[in-house]
Amino acid sequence: AAGSFAGMLEAQAPLIEFLARTEKPQVYAQLEHKPEQSISLLADSVEIYLPLAGMVDIGQELERLDKEIAQAQQEVARLQSKLANESFVTRARPEVVEKEREKLDTQVERIEKLRARRLELGG
């Protein structure tokens, strides 16, 4: 599957260049080292790296990610406090409690993704 995907990327390189306003994509069967200051995407069994150096102010992006992480952590603390309140859990409708638990799970997952993105940028 990875081979056919690589062939498709090679064939569509001019279109990718045009749409992404970037250089010709480089396709490797196996990459020894992940490019520095890049983000990665997973498409089926293919990993795609987008170098950000020179395109994005890495320091500003790290600050932005830190702010998002802090906001998400505050929301997690608020939701955990709410769900730890026995009065809320017993008096609220079950669907409301479940919705708050889903919000908590979403925020925890968001923090994990933001931290992973921060690590990818070298921070």
PDB file of N, CA and C in Angstrom:
ATOM      1  N   ALA A   1       0.824  -1.198   0.000  1.00  0.00           N
ATOM      2  CA  ALA A   1       0.000   0.000   0.000  1.00  0.00           C
ATOM      3  C   ALA A   1       0.860   1.251   0.000  1.00  0.00           C
ATOM      4  N   ALA A   2       1.958   1.217   0.778  1.00  0.00           N
ATOM      5  CA  ALA A   2       2.819   2.394   0.844  1.00  0.00           C
ATOM      6  C   ALA A   2       3.458   2.672  -0.505  1.00  0.00           C
ATOM      7  N   GLY A   3       3.812   1.614  -1.238  1.00  0.00           N
ATOM      8  CA  GLY A   3       4.416   1.784  -2.557  1.00  0.00           C
ATOM      9  C   GLY A   3       3.476   2.456  -3.534  1.00  0.00           C
ATOM     10  N   SER A   4       2.217   2.047  -3.545  1.00  0.00           N
ATOM     11  CA  SER A   4       1.256   2.648  -4.465  1.00  0.00           C
ATOM     12  C   SER A   4       0.969   4.094  -4.069  1.00  0.00           C
ATOM     13  N   PHE A   5       0.972   4.371  -2.781  1.00  0.00           N
ATOM     14  CA  PHE A   5       0.757   5.737  -2.312  1.00  0.00           C
ATOM     15  C   PHE A   5       1.935   6.614  -2.718  1.00  0.00           C
ATOM     16  N   ALA A   6       3.153   6.081  -2.591  1.00  0.00           N
ATOM     17  CA  ALA A   6       4.347   6.830  -2.991  1.00  0.00           C
ATOM     18  C   ALA A   6       4.305   7.136  -4.478  1.00  0.00           C
ATOM     19  N   GLY A   7       3.884   6.167  -5.281  1.00  0.00           N
ATOM     20  CA  GLY A   7       3.763   6.386  -6.725  1.00  0.00           C
ATOM     21  C   GLY A   7       2.749   7.466  -7.045  1.00  0.00           C
ATOM     22  N   MET A   8       1.647   7.462  -6.335  1.00  0.00           N
ATOM     23  CA  MET A   8       0.625   8.483  -6.537  1.00  0.00           C
ATOM     24  C   MET A   8       1.168   9.863  -6.168  1.00  0.00           C
ATOM     25  N   LEU A   9       1.916   9.941  -5.064  1.00  0.00           N
ATOM     26  CA  LEU A   9       2.506  11.220  -4.665  1.00  0.00           C
ATOM     27  C   LEU A   9       3.477  11.734  -5.719  1.00  0.00           C
ATOM     28  N   GLU A  10       4.299  10.838  -6.246  1.00  0.00           N
ATOM     29  CA  GLU A  10       5.248  11.223  -7.299  1.00  0.00           C
ATOM     30  C   GLU A  10       4.501  11.749  -8.517  1.00  0.00           C
ATOM     31  N   ALA A  11       3.442  11.054  -8.909  1.00  0.00           N
ATOM     32  CA  ALA A  11       2.679  11.454 -10.093  1.00  0.00           C
ATOM     33  C   ALA A  11       1.983  12.795  -9.879  1.00  0.00           C
ATOM     34  N   GLN A  12       1.573  13.066  -8.650  1.00  0.00           N
ATOM     35  CA  GLN A  12       0.842  14.298  -8.358  1.00  0.00           C
ATOM     36  C   GLN A  12       1.735  15.418  -7.811  1.00  0.00           C
ATOM     37  N   ALA A  13       3.053  15.224  -7.868  1.00  0.00           N
ATOM     38  CA  ALA A  13       3.988  16.205  -7.309  1.00  0.00           C
ATOM     39  C   ALA A  13       3.758  17.626  -7.828  1.00  0.00           C
ATOM     40  N   PRO A  14       3.562  17.829  -9.147  1.00  0.00           N
ATOM     41  CA  PRO A  14       3.338  19.209  -9.617  1.00  0.00           C
ATOM     42  C   PRO A  14       2.089  19.848  -8.996  1.00  0.00           C
ATOM     43  N   LEU A  15       1.040  19.083  -8.843  1.00  0.00           N
ATOM     44  CA  LEU A  15      -0.182  19.610  -8.247  1.00  0.00           C
ATOM     45  C   LEU A  15       0.036  19.934  -6.767  1.00  0.00           C
ATOM     46  N   ILE A  16       0.734  19.049  -6.064  1.00  0.00           N
ATOM     47  CA  ILE A  16       1.031  19.279  -4.646  1.00  0.00           C
ATOM     48  C   ILE A  16       1.868  20.545  -4.491  1.00  0.00           C
ATOM     49  N   GLU A  17       2.886  20.694  -5.354  1.00  0.00           N
ATOM     50  CA  GLU A  17       3.726  21.897  -5.338  1.00  0.00           C
ATOM     51  C   GLU A  17       2.878  23.156  -5.498  1.00  0.00           C
ATOM     52  N   PHE A  18       1.988  23.124  -6.484  1.00  0.00           N
ATOM     53  CA  PHE A  18       1.158  24.288  -6.787  1.00  0.00           C
ATOM     54  C   PHE A  18       0.208  24.604  -5.635  1.00  0.00           C
ATOM     55  N   LEU A  19      -0.511  23.606  -5.164  1.00  0.00           N
ATOM     56  CA  LEU A  19      -1.509  23.834  -4.115  1.00  0.00           C
ATOM     57  C   LEU A  19      -0.880  24.217  -2.776  1.00  0.00           C
ATOM     58  N   ALA A  20       0.235  23.594  -2.448  1.00  0.00           N
ATOM     59  CA  ALA A  20       0.888  23.860  -1.165  1.00  0.00           C
ATOM     60  C   ALA A  20       1.855  25.036  -1.247  1.00  0.00           C
ATOM     61  N   ARG A  21       2.084  25.511  -2.468  1.00  0.00           N
ATOM     62  CA  ARG A  21       3.047  26.596  -2.695  1.00  0.00           C
ATOM     63  C   ARG A  21       4.367  26.260  -2.035  1.00  0.00           C
ATOM     64  N   THR A  22       4.879  25.119  -2.407  1.00  0.00           N
ATOM     65  CA  THR A  22       6.101  24.617  -1.801  1.00  0.00           C
ATOM     66  C   THR A  22       6.995  24.012  -2.868  1.00  0.00           C
ATOM     67  N   GLU A  23       8.115  23.485  -2.437  1.00  0.00           N
ATOM     68  CA  GLU A  23       9.015  22.786  -3.346  1.00  0.00           C
ATOM     69  C   GLU A  23       8.429  21.419  -3.670  1.00  0.00           C
ATOM     70  N   LYS A  24       9.053  20.768  -4.648  1.00  0.00           N
ATOM     71  CA  LYS A  24       8.610  19.425  -5.027  1.00  0.00           C
ATOM     72  C   LYS A  24       8.691  18.503  -3.808  1.00  0.00           C
ATOM     73  N   PRO A  25       7.622  17.761  -3.549  1.00  0.00           N
ATOM     74  CA  PRO A  25       7.667  16.838  -2.409  1.00  0.00           C
ATOM     75  C   PRO A  25       8.721  15.754  -2.618  1.00  0.00           C
ATOM     76  N   GLN A  26       9.385  15.405  -1.547  1.00  0.00           N
ATOM     77  CA  GLN A  26      10.383  14.342  -1.594  1.00  0.00           C
ATOM     78  C   GLN A  26       9.751  13.085  -1.012  1.00  0.00           C
ATOM     79  N   VAL A  27       9.821  12.002  -1.758  1.00  0.00           N
ATOM     80  CA  VAL A  27       9.192  10.751  -1.343  1.00  0.00           C
ATOM     81  C   VAL A  27      10.288   9.733  -1.049  1.00  0.00           C
ATOM     82  N   TYR A  28      10.238   9.147   0.148  1.00  0.00           N
ATOM     83  CA  TYR A  28      11.216   8.151   0.567  1.00  0.00           C
ATOM     84  C   TYR A  28      10.488   6.883   0.997  1.00  0.00           C
ATOM     85  N   ALA A  29      11.051   5.739   0.643  1.00  0.00           N
ATOM     86  CA  ALA A  29      10.479   4.472   1.104  1.00  0.00           C
ATOM     87  C   ALA A  29      10.673   4.353   2.612  1.00  0.00           C
ATOM     88  N   GLN A  30      11.819   4.825   3.093  1.00  0.00           N
ATOM     89  CA  GLN A  30      12.113   4.799   4.522  1.00  0.00           C
ATOM     90  C   GLN A  30      12.968   6.017   4.845  1.00  0.00           C
ATOM     91  N   LEU A  31      12.645   6.679   5.920  1.00  0.00           N
ATOM     92  CA  LEU A  31      13.355   7.880   6.324  1.00  0.00           C
ATOM     93  C   LEU A  31      14.090   7.578   7.615  1.00  0.00           C
ATOM     94  N   GLU A  32      15.419   7.809   7.610  1.00  0.00           N
ATOM     95  CA  GLU A  32      16.209   7.487   8.796  1.00  0.00           C
ATOM     96  C   GLU A  32      15.944   8.450   9.948  1.00  0.00           C
ATOM     97  N   HIS A  33      15.851   9.741   9.632  1.00  0.00           N
ATOM     98  CA  HIS A  33      15.657  10.747  10.678  1.00  0.00           C
ATOM     99  C   HIS A  33      14.519  11.675  10.295  1.00  0.00           C
ATOM    100  N   LYS A  34      13.697  11.963  11.245  1.00  0.00           N
ATOM    101  CA  LYS A  34      12.599  12.906  11.040  1.00  0.00           C
ATOM    102  C   LYS A  34      13.197  14.299  10.857  1.00  0.00           C
ATOM    103  N   PRO A  35      12.704  15.061   9.883  1.00  0.00           N
ATOM    104  CA  PRO A  35      13.213  16.426   9.704  1.00  0.00           C
ATOM    105  C   PRO A  35      12.964  17.259  10.962  1.00  0.00           C
ATOM    106  N   GLU A  36      13.940  18.096  11.315  1.00  0.00           N
ATOM    107  CA  GLU A  36      13.792  18.944  12.494  1.00  0.00           C
ATOM    108  C   GLU A  36      12.735  20.008  12.249  1.00  0.00           C
ATOM    109  N   GLN A  37      12.126  20.447  13.312  1.00  0.00           N
ATOM    110  CA  GLN A  37      11.105  21.495  13.280  1.00  0.00           C
ATOM    111  C   GLN A  37      10.066  21.229  12.197  1.00  0.00           C
ATOM    112  N   SER A  38       9.478  20.060  12.285  1.00  0.00           N
ATOM    113  CA  SER A  38       8.447  19.687  11.321  1.00  0.00           C
ATOM    114  C   SER A  38       7.275  19.062  12.065  1.00  0.00           C
ATOM    115  N   ILE A  39       6.139  19.050  11.401  1.00  0.00           N
ATOM    116  CA  ILE A  39       4.995  18.341  11.951  1.00  0.00           C
ATOM    117  C   ILE A  39       4.778  17.108  11.091  1.00  0.00           C
ATOM    118  N   SER A  40       4.186  16.104  11.674  1.00  0.00           N
ATOM    119  CA  SER A  40       3.954  14.880  10.915  1.00  0.00           C
ATOM    120  C   SER A  40       2.469  14.571  10.874  1.00  0.00           C
ATOM    121  N   LEU A  41       2.082  13.941   9.799  1.00  0.00           N
ATOM    122  CA  LEU A  41       0.709  13.492   9.595  1.00  0.00           C
ATOM    123  C   LEU A  41       0.774  12.028   9.212  1.00  0.00           C
ATOM    124  N   LEU A  42      -0.204  11.278   9.606  1.00  0.00           N
ATOM    125  CA  LEU A  42      -0.255   9.869   9.254  1.00  0.00           C
ATOM    126  C   LEU A  42      -1.423   9.658   8.306  1.00  0.00           C
ATOM    127  N   ALA A  43      -1.122   9.140   7.119  1.00  0.00           N
ATOM    128  CA  ALA A  43      -2.151   8.847   6.117  1.00  0.00           C
ATOM    129  C   ALA A  43      -2.039   7.372   5.779  1.00  0.00           C
ATOM    130  N   ASP A  44      -2.923   6.583   6.339  1.00  0.00           N
ATOM    131  CA  ASP A  44      -2.895   5.137   6.176  1.00  0.00           C
ATOM    132  C   ASP A  44      -1.567   4.635   6.736  1.00  0.00           C
ATOM    133  N   SER A  45      -0.721   4.018   5.928  1.00  0.00           N
ATOM    134  CA  SER A  45       0.560   3.513   6.419  1.00  0.00           C
ATOM    135  C   SER A  45       1.710   4.438   6.046  1.00  0.00           C
ATOM    136  N   VAL A  46       1.395   5.638   5.591  1.00  0.00           N
ATOM    137  CA  VAL A  46       2.412   6.579   5.133  1.00  0.00           C
ATOM    138  C   VAL A  46       2.499   7.744   6.114  1.00  0.00           C
ATOM    139  N   GLU A  47       3.733   8.084   6.486  1.00  0.00           N
ATOM    140  CA  GLU A  47       3.947   9.226   7.365  1.00  0.00           C
ATOM    141  C   GLU A  47       4.426  10.396   6.516  1.00  0.00           C
ATOM    142  N   ILE A  48       3.788  11.548   6.700  1.00  0.00           N
ATOM    143  CA  ILE A  48       4.102  12.738   5.918  1.00  0.00           C
ATOM    144  C   ILE A  48       4.671  13.781   6.870  1.00  0.00           C
ATOM    145  N   TYR A  49       5.827  14.359   6.503  1.00  0.00           N
ATOM    146  CA  TYR A  49       6.446  15.400   7.313  1.00  0.00           C
ATOM    147  C   TYR A  49       6.378  16.716   6.572  1.00  0.00           C
ATOM    148  N   LEU A  50       6.002  17.749   7.286  1.00  0.00           N
ATOM    149  CA  LEU A  50       5.958  19.087   6.718  1.00  0.00           C
ATOM    150  C   LEU A  50       6.921  19.959   7.520  1.00  0.00           C
ATOM    151  N   PRO A  51       8.102  20.265   6.928  1.00  0.00           N
ATOM    152  CA  PRO A  51       9.062  21.124   7.631  1.00  0.00           C
ATOM    153  C   PRO A  51       8.482  22.531   7.795  1.00  0.00           C
ATOM    154  N   LEU A  52       8.609  23.077   8.980  1.00  0.00           N
ATOM    155  CA  LEU A  52       8.043  24.395   9.256  1.00  0.00           C
ATOM    156  C   LEU A  52       9.096  25.490   9.365  1.00  0.00           C
ATOM    157  N   ALA A  53      10.372  25.105   9.436  1.00  0.00           N
ATOM    158  CA  ALA A  53      11.437  26.096   9.566  1.00  0.00           C
ATOM    159  C   ALA A  53      11.368  27.074   8.396  1.00  0.00           C
ATOM    160  N   GLY A  54      11.380  28.351   8.711  1.00  0.00           N
ATOM    161  CA  GLY A  54      11.308  29.379   7.683  1.00  0.00           C
ATOM    162  C   GLY A  54       9.888  29.712   7.264  1.00  0.00           C
ATOM    163  N   MET A  55       8.936  28.854   7.564  1.00  0.00           N
ATOM    164  CA  MET A  55       7.541  29.099   7.193  1.00  0.00           C
ATOM    165  C   MET A  55       6.748  29.645   8.375  1.00  0.00           C
ATOM    166  N   VAL A  56       7.142  29.228   9.563  1.00  0.00           N
ATOM    167  CA  VAL A  56       6.420  29.576  10.780  1.00  0.00           C
ATOM    168  C   VAL A  56       7.446  30.023  11.814  1.00  0.00           C
ATOM    169  N   ASP A  57       7.112  31.025  12.598  1.00  0.00           N
ATOM    170  CA  ASP A  57       7.971  31.424  13.708  1.00  0.00           C
ATOM    171  C   ASP A  57       7.792  30.359  14.793  1.00  0.00           C
ATOM    172  N   ILE A  58       8.792  29.493  14.930  1.00  0.00           N
ATOM    173  CA  ILE A  58       8.696  28.350  15.841  1.00  0.00           C
ATOM    174  C   ILE A  58       8.463  28.820  17.282  1.00  0.00           C
ATOM    175  N   GLY A  59       9.149  29.879  17.695  1.00  0.00           N
ATOM    176  CA  GLY A  59       8.972  30.399  19.053  1.00  0.00           C
ATOM    177  C   GLY A  59       7.537  30.824  19.314  1.00  0.00           C
ATOM    178  N   GLN A  60       6.956  31.542  18.356  1.00  0.00           N
ATOM    179  CA  GLN A  60       5.562  31.977  18.502  1.00  0.00           C
ATOM    180  C   GLN A  60       4.612  30.786  18.529  1.00  0.00           C
ATOM    181  N   GLU A  61       4.889  29.799  17.689  1.00  0.00           N
ATOM    182  CA  GLU A  61       4.028  28.614  17.648  1.00  0.00           C
ATOM    183  C   GLU A  61       4.109  27.848  18.967  1.00  0.00           C
ATOM    184  N   LEU A  62       5.312  27.752  19.549  1.00  0.00           N
ATOM    185  CA  LEU A  62       5.457  27.085  20.843  1.00  0.00           C
ATOM    186  C   LEU A  62       4.685  27.839  21.927  1.00  0.00           C
ATOM    187  N   GLU A  63       4.747  29.177  21.900  1.00  0.00           N
ATOM    188  CA  GLU A  63       3.988  29.982  22.863  1.00  0.00           C
ATOM    189  C   GLU A  63       2.486  29.754  22.698  1.00  0.00           C
ATOM    190  N   ARG A  64       2.036  29.726  21.448  1.00  0.00           N
ATOM    191  CA  ARG A  64       0.617  29.504  21.174  1.00  0.00           C
ATOM    192  C   ARG A  64       0.175  28.143  21.707  1.00  0.00           C
ATOM    193  N   LEU A  65       1.004  27.123  21.461  1.00  0.00           N
ATOM    194  CA  LEU A  65       0.678  25.781  21.948  1.00  0.00           C
ATOM    195  C   LEU A  65       0.647  25.748  23.474  1.00  0.00           C
ATOM    196  N   ASP A  66       1.601  26.442  24.115  1.00  0.00           N
ATOM    197  CA  ASP A  66       1.621  26.498  25.580  1.00  0.00           C
ATOM    198  C   ASP A  66       0.329  27.107  26.120  1.00  0.00           C
ATOM    199  N   LYS A  67      -0.142  28.179  25.470  1.00  0.00           N
ATOM    200  CA  LYS A  67      -1.392  28.820  25.902  1.00  0.00           C
ATOM    201  C   LYS A  67      -2.576  27.868  25.740  1.00  0.00           C
ATOM    202  N   GLU A  68      -2.619  27.170  24.606  1.00  0.00           N
ATOM    203  CA  GLU A  68      -3.723  26.224  24.379  1.00  0.00           C
ATOM    204  C   GLU A  68      -3.695  25.092  25.394  1.00  0.00           C
ATOM    205  N   ILE A  69      -2.488  24.609  25.698  1.00  0.00           N
ATOM    206  CA  ILE A  69      -2.348  23.533  26.688  1.00  0.00           C
ATOM    207  C   ILE A  69      -2.830  24.025  28.050  1.00  0.00           C
ATOM    208  N   ALA A  70      -2.423  25.233  28.439  1.00  0.00           N
ATOM    209  CA  ALA A  70      -2.833  25.789  29.735  1.00  0.00           C
ATOM    210  C   ALA A  70      -4.352  25.953  29.808  1.00  0.00           C
ATOM    211  N   GLN A  71      -4.958  26.438  28.726  1.00  0.00           N
ATOM    212  CA  GLN A  71      -6.416  26.599  28.712  1.00  0.00           C
ATOM    213  C   GLN A  71      -7.120  25.250  28.831  1.00  0.00           C
ATOM    214  N   ALA A  72      -6.610  24.262  28.105  1.00  0.00           N
ATOM    215  CA  ALA A  72      -7.211  22.930  28.154  1.00  0.00           C
ATOM    216  C   ALA A  72      -7.048  22.319  29.547  1.00  0.00           C
ATOM    217  N   GLN A  73      -5.890  22.559  30.182  1.00  0.00           N
ATOM    218  CA  GLN A  73      -5.675  22.041  31.537  1.00  0.00           C
ATOM    219  C   GLN A  73      -6.641  22.686  32.532  1.00  0.00           C
ATOM    220  N   GLN A  74      -6.905  23.980  32.360  1.00  0.00           N
ATOM    221  CA  GLN A  74      -7.876  24.657  33.228  1.00  0.00           C
ATOM    222  C   GLN A  74      -9.266  24.052  33.041  1.00  0.00           C
ATOM    223  N   GLU A  75      -9.613  23.776  31.793  1.00  0.00           N
ATOM    224  CA  GLU A  75     -10.922  23.183  31.508  1.00  0.00           C
ATOM    225  C   GLU A  75     -11.014  21.773  32.107  1.00  0.00           C
ATOM    226  N   VAL A  76      -9.922  21.008  32.026  1.00  0.00           N
ATOM    227  CA  VAL A  76      -9.893  19.668  32.625  1.00  0.00           C
ATOM    228  C   VAL A  76     -10.108  19.777  34.135  1.00  0.00           C
ATOM    229  N   ALA A  77      -9.416  20.708  34.779  1.00  0.00           N
ATOM    230  CA  ALA A  77      -9.562  20.880  36.232  1.00  0.00           C
ATOM    231  C   ALA A  77     -11.001  21.254  36.582  1.00  0.00           C
ATOM    232  N   ARG A  78     -11.601  22.155  35.794  1.00  0.00           N
ATOM    233  CA  ARG A  78     -12.985  22.574  36.045  1.00  0.00           C
ATOM    234  C   ARG A  78     -13.943  21.389  35.910  1.00  0.00           C
ATOM    235  N   LEU A  79     -13.767  20.613  34.832  1.00  0.00           N
ATOM    236  CA  LEU A  79     -14.650  19.468  34.596  1.00  0.00           C
ATOM    237  C   LEU A  79     -14.457  18.383  35.654  1.00  0.00           C
ATOM    238  N   GLN A  80     -13.202  18.141  36.046  1.00  0.00           N
ATOM    239  CA  GLN A  80     -12.945  17.139  37.084  1.00  0.00           C
ATOM    240  C   GLN A  80     -13.600  17.553  38.400  1.00  0.00           C
ATOM    241  N   SER A  81     -13.506  18.843  38.720  1.00  0.00           N
ATOM    242  CA  SER A  81     -14.124  19.348  39.947  1.00  0.00           C
ATOM    243  C   SER A  81     -15.643  19.179  39.893  1.00  0.00           C
ATOM    244  N   LYS A  82     -16.206  19.509  38.757  1.00  0.00           N
ATOM    245  CA  LYS A  82     -17.657  19.393  38.584  1.00  0.00           C
ATOM    246  C   LYS A  82     -18.102  17.936  38.723  1.00  0.00           C
ATOM    247  N   LEU A  83     -17.351  17.028  38.091  1.00  0.00           N
ATOM    248  CA  LEU A  83     -17.718  15.609  38.126  1.00  0.00           C
ATOM    249  C   LEU A  83     -17.414  14.966  39.483  1.00  0.00           C
ATOM    250  N   ALA A  84     -16.528  15.593  40.269  1.00  0.00           N
ATOM    251  CA  ALA A  84     -16.234  15.082  41.606  1.00  0.00           C
ATOM    252  C   ALA A  84     -17.285  15.542  42.615  1.00  0.00           C
ATOM    253  N   ASN A  85     -18.084  16.518  42.217  1.00  0.00           N
ATOM    254  CA  ASN A  85     -19.140  17.041  43.080  1.00  0.00           C
ATOM    255  C   ASN A  85     -20.311  16.055  43.070  1.00  0.00           C
ATOM    256  N   GLU A  86     -20.474  15.360  44.168  1.00  0.00           N
ATOM    257  CA  GLU A  86     -21.510  14.327  44.250  1.00  0.00           C
ATOM    258  C   GLU A  86     -22.912  14.905  44.053  1.00  0.00           C
ATOM    259  N   SER A  87     -23.100  16.124  44.502  1.00  0.00           N
ATOM    260  CA  SER A  87     -24.394  16.780  44.347  1.00  0.00           C
ATOM    261  C   SER A  87     -24.734  16.951  42.863  1.00  0.00           C
ATOM    262  N   PHE A  88     -23.740  17.376  42.074  1.00  0.00           N
ATOM    263  CA  PHE A  88     -23.969  17.534  40.631  1.00  0.00           C
ATOM    264  C   PHE A  88     -24.284  16.185  39.990  1.00  0.00           C
ATOM    265  N   VAL A  89     -23.474  15.196  40.296  1.00  0.00           N
ATOM    266  CA  VAL A  89     -23.619  13.877  39.665  1.00  0.00           C
ATOM    267  C   VAL A  89     -24.967  13.239  40.005  1.00  0.00           C
ATOM    268  N   THR A  90     -25.435  13.419  41.230  1.00  0.00           N
ATOM    269  CA  THR A  90     -26.702  12.785  41.620  1.00  0.00           C
ATOM    270  C   THR A  90     -27.931  13.587  41.196  1.00  0.00           C
ATOM    271  N   ARG A  91     -27.815  14.909  41.137  1.00  0.00           N
ATOM    272  CA  ARG A  91     -28.980  15.735  40.806  1.00  0.00           C
ATOM    273  C   ARG A  91     -29.156  15.997  39.314  1.00  0.00           C
ATOM    274  N   ALA A  92     -28.064  16.042  38.583  1.00  0.00           N
ATOM    275  CA  ALA A  92     -28.161  16.333  37.143  1.00  0.00           C
ATOM    276  C   ALA A  92     -28.694  15.114  36.395  1.00  0.00           C
ATOM    277  N   ARG A  93     -29.319  15.399  35.267  1.00  0.00           N
ATOM    278  CA  ARG A  93     -29.796  14.292  34.424  1.00  0.00           C
ATOM    279  C   ARG A  93     -28.590  13.474  33.957  1.00  0.00           C
ATOM    280  N   PRO A  94     -28.752  12.166  33.827  1.00  0.00           N
ATOM    281  CA  PRO A  94     -27.637  11.306  33.409  1.00  0.00           C
ATOM    282  C   PRO A  94     -26.993  11.752  32.094  1.00  0.00           C
ATOM    283  N   GLU A  95     -27.809  12.229  31.148  1.00  0.00           N
ATOM    284  CA  GLU A  95     -27.239  12.654  29.864  1.00  0.00           C
ATOM    285  C   GLU A  95     -26.369  13.908  30.018  1.00  0.00           C
ATOM    286  N   VAL A  96     -26.682  14.751  30.983  1.00  0.00           N
ATOM    287  CA  VAL A  96     -25.865  15.945  31.244  1.00  0.00           C
ATOM    288  C   VAL A  96     -24.524  15.526  31.846  1.00  0.00           C
ATOM    289  N   VAL A  97     -24.573  14.604  32.789  1.00  0.00           N
ATOM    290  CA  VAL A  97     -23.345  14.097  33.408  1.00  0.00           C
ATOM    291  C   VAL A  97     -22.481  13.420  32.349  1.00  0.00           C
ATOM    292  N   GLU A  98     -23.103  12.624  31.498  1.00  0.00           N
ATOM    293  CA  GLU A  98     -22.358  11.933  30.440  1.00  0.00           C
ATOM    294  C   GLU A  98     -21.715  12.936  29.484  1.00  0.00           C
ATOM    295  N   LYS A  99     -22.443  13.990  29.164  1.00  0.00           N
ATOM    296  CA  LYS A  99     -21.905  15.017  28.266  1.00  0.00           C
ATOM    297  C   LYS A  99     -20.675  15.686  28.885  1.00  0.00           C
ATOM    298  N   GLU A 100     -20.711  15.930  30.180  1.00  0.00           N
ATOM    299  CA  GLU A 100     -19.563  16.528  30.873  1.00  0.00           C
ATOM    300  C   GLU A 100     -18.376  15.559  30.868  1.00  0.00           C
ATOM    301  N   ARG A 101     -18.647  14.271  31.027  1.00  0.00           N
ATOM    302  CA  ARG A 101     -17.565  13.272  30.970  1.00  0.00           C
ATOM    303  C   ARG A 101     -16.944  13.233  29.574  1.00  0.00           C
ATOM    304  N   GLU A 102     -17.782  13.346  28.551  1.00  0.00           N
ATOM    305  CA  GLU A 102     -17.275  13.376  27.177  1.00  0.00           C
ATOM    306  C   GLU A 102     -16.424  14.615  26.946  1.00  0.00           C
ATOM    307  N   LYS A 103     -16.856  15.751  27.488  1.00  0.00           N
ATOM    308  CA  LYS A 103     -16.062  16.985  27.374  1.00  0.00           C
ATOM    309  C   LYS A 103     -14.697  16.794  28.026  1.00  0.00           C
ATOM    310  N   LEU A 104     -14.693  16.135  29.190  1.00  0.00           N
ATOM    311  CA  LEU A 104     -13.442  15.874  29.896  1.00  0.00           C
ATOM    312  C   LEU A 104     -12.524  15.007  29.044  1.00  0.00           C
ATOM    313  N   ASP A 105     -13.063  13.920  28.498  1.00  0.00           N
ATOM    314  CA  ASP A 105     -12.266  13.035  27.643  1.00  0.00           C
ATOM    315  C   ASP A 105     -11.707  13.789  26.441  1.00  0.00           C
ATOM    316  N   THR A 106     -12.525  14.647  25.848  1.00  0.00           N
ATOM    317  CA  THR A 106     -12.097  15.428  24.688  1.00  0.00           C
ATOM    318  C   THR A 106     -10.946  16.358  25.054  1.00  0.00           C
ATOM    319  N   GLN A 107     -11.037  17.009  26.201  1.00  0.00           N
ATOM    320  CA  GLN A 107      -9.977  17.934  26.622  1.00  0.00           C
ATOM    321  C   GLN A 107      -8.683  17.195  26.949  1.00  0.00           C
ATOM    322  N   VAL A 108      -8.789  16.027  27.578  1.00  0.00           N
ATOM    323  CA  VAL A 108      -7.596  15.232  27.886  1.00  0.00           C
ATOM    324  C   VAL A 108      -6.913  14.816  26.583  1.00  0.00           C
ATOM    325  N   GLU A 109      -7.699  14.381  25.617  1.00  0.00           N
ATOM    326  CA  GLU A 109      -7.155  13.992  24.313  1.00  0.00           C
ATOM    327  C   GLU A 109      -6.529  15.200  23.613  1.00  0.00           C
ATOM    328  N   ARG A 110      -7.161  16.346  23.729  1.00  0.00           N
ATOM    329  CA  ARG A 110      -6.644  17.572  23.113  1.00  0.00           C
ATOM    330  C   ARG A 110      -5.281  17.931  23.699  1.00  0.00           C
ATOM    331  N   ILE A 111      -5.139  17.811  25.013  1.00  0.00           N
ATOM    332  CA  ILE A 111      -3.858  18.099  25.667  1.00  0.00           C
ATOM    333  C   ILE A 111      -2.779  17.167  25.136  1.00  0.00           C
ATOM    334  N   GLU A 112      -3.094  15.885  25.002  1.00  0.00           N
ATOM    335  CA  GLU A 112      -2.122  14.916  24.489  1.00  0.00           C
ATOM    336  C   GLU A 112      -1.671  15.298  23.085  1.00  0.00           C
ATOM    337  N   LYS A 113      -2.615  15.675  22.236  1.00  0.00           N
ATOM    338  CA  LYS A 113      -2.281  16.051  20.858  1.00  0.00           C
ATOM    339  C   LYS A 113      -1.451  17.331  20.816  1.00  0.00           C
ATOM    340  N   LEU A 114      -1.817  18.300  21.635  1.00  0.00           N
ATOM    341  CA  LEU A 114      -1.064  19.556  21.667  1.00  0.00           C
ATOM    342  C   LEU A 114       0.358  19.324  22.167  1.00  0.00           C
ATOM    343  N   ARG A 115       0.511  18.481  23.188  1.00  0.00           N
ATOM    344  CA  ARG A 115       1.857  18.172  23.700  1.00  0.00           C
ATOM    345  C   ARG A 115       2.685  17.441  22.644  1.00  0.00           C
ATOM    346  N   ALA A 116       2.048  16.534  21.914  1.00  0.00           N
ATOM    347  CA  ALA A 116       2.764  15.814  20.851  1.00  0.00           C
ATOM    348  C   ALA A 116       3.212  16.788  19.767  1.00  0.00           C
ATOM    349  N   ARG A 117       2.334  17.717  19.405  1.00  0.00           N
ATOM    350  CA  ARG A 117       2.690  18.713  18.392  1.00  0.00           C
ATOM    351  C   ARG A 117       3.839  19.583  18.890  1.00  0.00           C
ATOM    352  N   ARG A 118       3.816  19.916  20.175  1.00  0.00           N
ATOM    353  CA  ARG A 118       4.879  20.736  20.752  1.00  0.00           C
ATOM    354  C   ARG A 118       6.213  19.993  20.699  1.00  0.00           C
ATOM    355  N   LEU A 119       6.180  18.714  21.017  1.00  0.00           N
ATOM    356  CA  LEU A 119       7.401  17.904  20.946  1.00  0.00           C
ATOM    357  C   LEU A 119       7.931  17.823  19.519  1.00  0.00           C
ATOM    358  N   GLU A 120       7.026  17.709  18.551  1.00  0.00           N
ATOM    359  CA  GLU A 120       7.449  17.643  17.151  1.00  0.00           C
ATOM    360  C   GLU A 120       8.199  18.898  16.732  1.00  0.00           C
ATOM    361  N   LEU A 121       7.842  20.022  17.323  1.00  0.00           N
ATOM    362  CA  LEU A 121       8.498  21.284  16.980  1.00  0.00           C
ATOM    363  C   LEU A 121       9.799  21.483  17.750  1.00  0.00           C
ATOM    364  N   GLY A 122      10.116  20.531  18.599  1.00  0.00           N
ATOM    365  CA  GLY A 122      11.379  20.598  19.318  1.00  0.00           C
ATOM    366  C   GLY A 122      11.295  21.319  20.642  1.00  0.00           C
ATOM    367  N   GLY A 123      10.087  21.451  21.152  1.00  0.00           N
ATOM    368  CA  GLY A 123       9.924  22.189  22.408  1.00  0.00           C
ATOM    369  C   GLY A 123       9.624  21.314  23.565  1.00  0.00           C
TER     370      GLY A 123
END
